[in-house]
Protein backbone atom coordinates (compact mmCIF):
# COMPACT_ATOMS: atom_id res chain seq x y z
CA MET A 1 -14.23 -41.51 -7.15
CA PRO A 2 -13.29 -45.22 -7.17
CA THR A 3 -16.01 -47.81 -7.01
CA THR A 4 -16.19 -50.48 -4.31
CA PHE A 5 -15.06 -52.98 -6.95
CA ASP A 6 -11.97 -50.88 -7.74
CA THR A 7 -11.20 -50.43 -4.05
CA ARG A 8 -11.33 -54.17 -3.40
CA LEU A 9 -9.13 -54.95 -6.38
CA ALA A 10 -6.67 -52.28 -5.29
CA LYS A 11 -6.13 -54.37 -2.13
CA LEU A 12 -4.79 -57.17 -4.30
CA GLU A 13 -2.09 -54.91 -5.69
CA LYS A 14 -1.40 -53.08 -2.43
CA TYR A 15 -0.77 -56.13 -0.30
CA ALA A 16 1.02 -58.30 -2.87
CA PRO A 17 4.80 -57.90 -3.13
CA ALA A 18 5.91 -55.31 -5.67
CA VAL A 19 8.04 -57.87 -7.50
CA ALA A 20 4.90 -59.78 -8.43
CA ASN A 21 3.87 -56.90 -10.68
CA ILE A 22 7.03 -57.14 -12.80
CA ASP A 23 5.63 -59.84 -15.07
CA ARG A 24 2.46 -58.24 -16.41
CA LEU A 25 1.58 -61.35 -18.43
CA ASN A 26 1.41 -63.69 -15.46
CA PRO A 27 -0.66 -62.48 -12.50
CA PHE A 28 -0.35 -65.77 -10.61
CA PRO A 29 2.59 -64.75 -8.35
CA MET A 30 0.65 -61.65 -7.27
CA VAL A 31 -2.54 -63.63 -6.64
CA GLN A 32 -0.69 -66.40 -4.78
CA ALA A 33 1.16 -63.93 -2.55
CA PHE A 34 -2.05 -62.06 -1.77
CA VAL A 35 -3.90 -65.25 -0.82
CA ASP A 36 -1.04 -66.64 1.25
CA ASP A 37 -0.67 -63.34 3.14
CA ASN A 38 -4.39 -62.76 3.73
CA GLY A 39 -5.98 -65.96 4.94
CA SER A 40 -4.90 -68.76 2.62
CA ARG A 41 -7.03 -71.16 0.59
CA LEU A 42 -9.80 -73.45 1.74
CA ASP A 43 -9.56 -77.20 1.02
CA ASN A 44 -9.50 -77.83 -2.75
CA GLU A 45 -9.89 -74.10 -3.52
CA SER A 46 -7.92 -72.56 -6.37
CA TYR A 47 -5.85 -69.44 -5.79
CA ALA A 48 -8.14 -67.48 -8.11
CA ASN A 49 -11.25 -68.51 -6.18
CA ALA A 50 -9.53 -67.82 -2.86
CA ALA A 51 -8.42 -64.35 -3.98
CA ALA A 52 -11.93 -63.53 -5.17
CA ARG A 53 -13.40 -64.77 -1.88
CA LEU A 54 -10.93 -62.71 0.17
CA LEU A 55 -11.72 -59.63 -1.92
CA GLY A 56 -15.47 -60.18 -1.69
CA ILE A 57 -15.98 -60.40 -5.47
CA THR A 58 -16.85 -63.19 -7.88
CA SER A 59 -14.15 -65.29 -9.51
CA ALA A 60 -15.44 -64.18 -12.92
CA ASP A 61 -14.97 -60.51 -11.97
CA LEU A 62 -11.42 -61.18 -10.78
CA ILE A 63 -10.47 -63.10 -13.93
CA ALA A 64 -11.99 -60.40 -16.15
CA TYR A 65 -10.05 -57.74 -14.27
CA LEU A 66 -6.76 -59.63 -14.57
CA LYS A 67 -7.31 -60.27 -18.29
CA GLU A 68 -8.06 -56.61 -18.94
CA ARG A 69 -5.01 -55.63 -16.90
CA ALA A 70 -2.78 -58.03 -18.85
CA GLU A 71 -4.05 -56.55 -22.10
CA GLY A 72 -3.12 -53.06 -20.90
CA GLY A 73 -6.66 -51.82 -20.41
CA ILE A 74 -6.19 -51.00 -16.72
CA SER A 75 -3.20 -49.28 -15.16
CA SER A 76 -1.73 -50.44 -11.85
CA THR A 77 -2.28 -46.96 -10.39
CA ARG A 78 -6.06 -47.04 -10.88
C-alpha cells in the first residue's frame, strides 16, 4: 500500500506532461510544468520550493526523491 508521501509524489508525475519524463537526468521540465499547471509560484519562490509546497512536502524530501529517481532507485510506476 503506498504511503501518503508516495501518493503526493505520484501527483507530480501524473499531472506533468509525459514528455517531461523523457530526460531522466533533468527533472526540471517536469517540476516546472507541474507548478505552472497547479497554482504557480509565489513571489521569489523557486520551482522546487513551489512544487514541494503544492505537494504538501518539504523541499528536502522532494529533492531527495528526485535525486533517487535520477539515480534509478525509484521507478516511475511506483
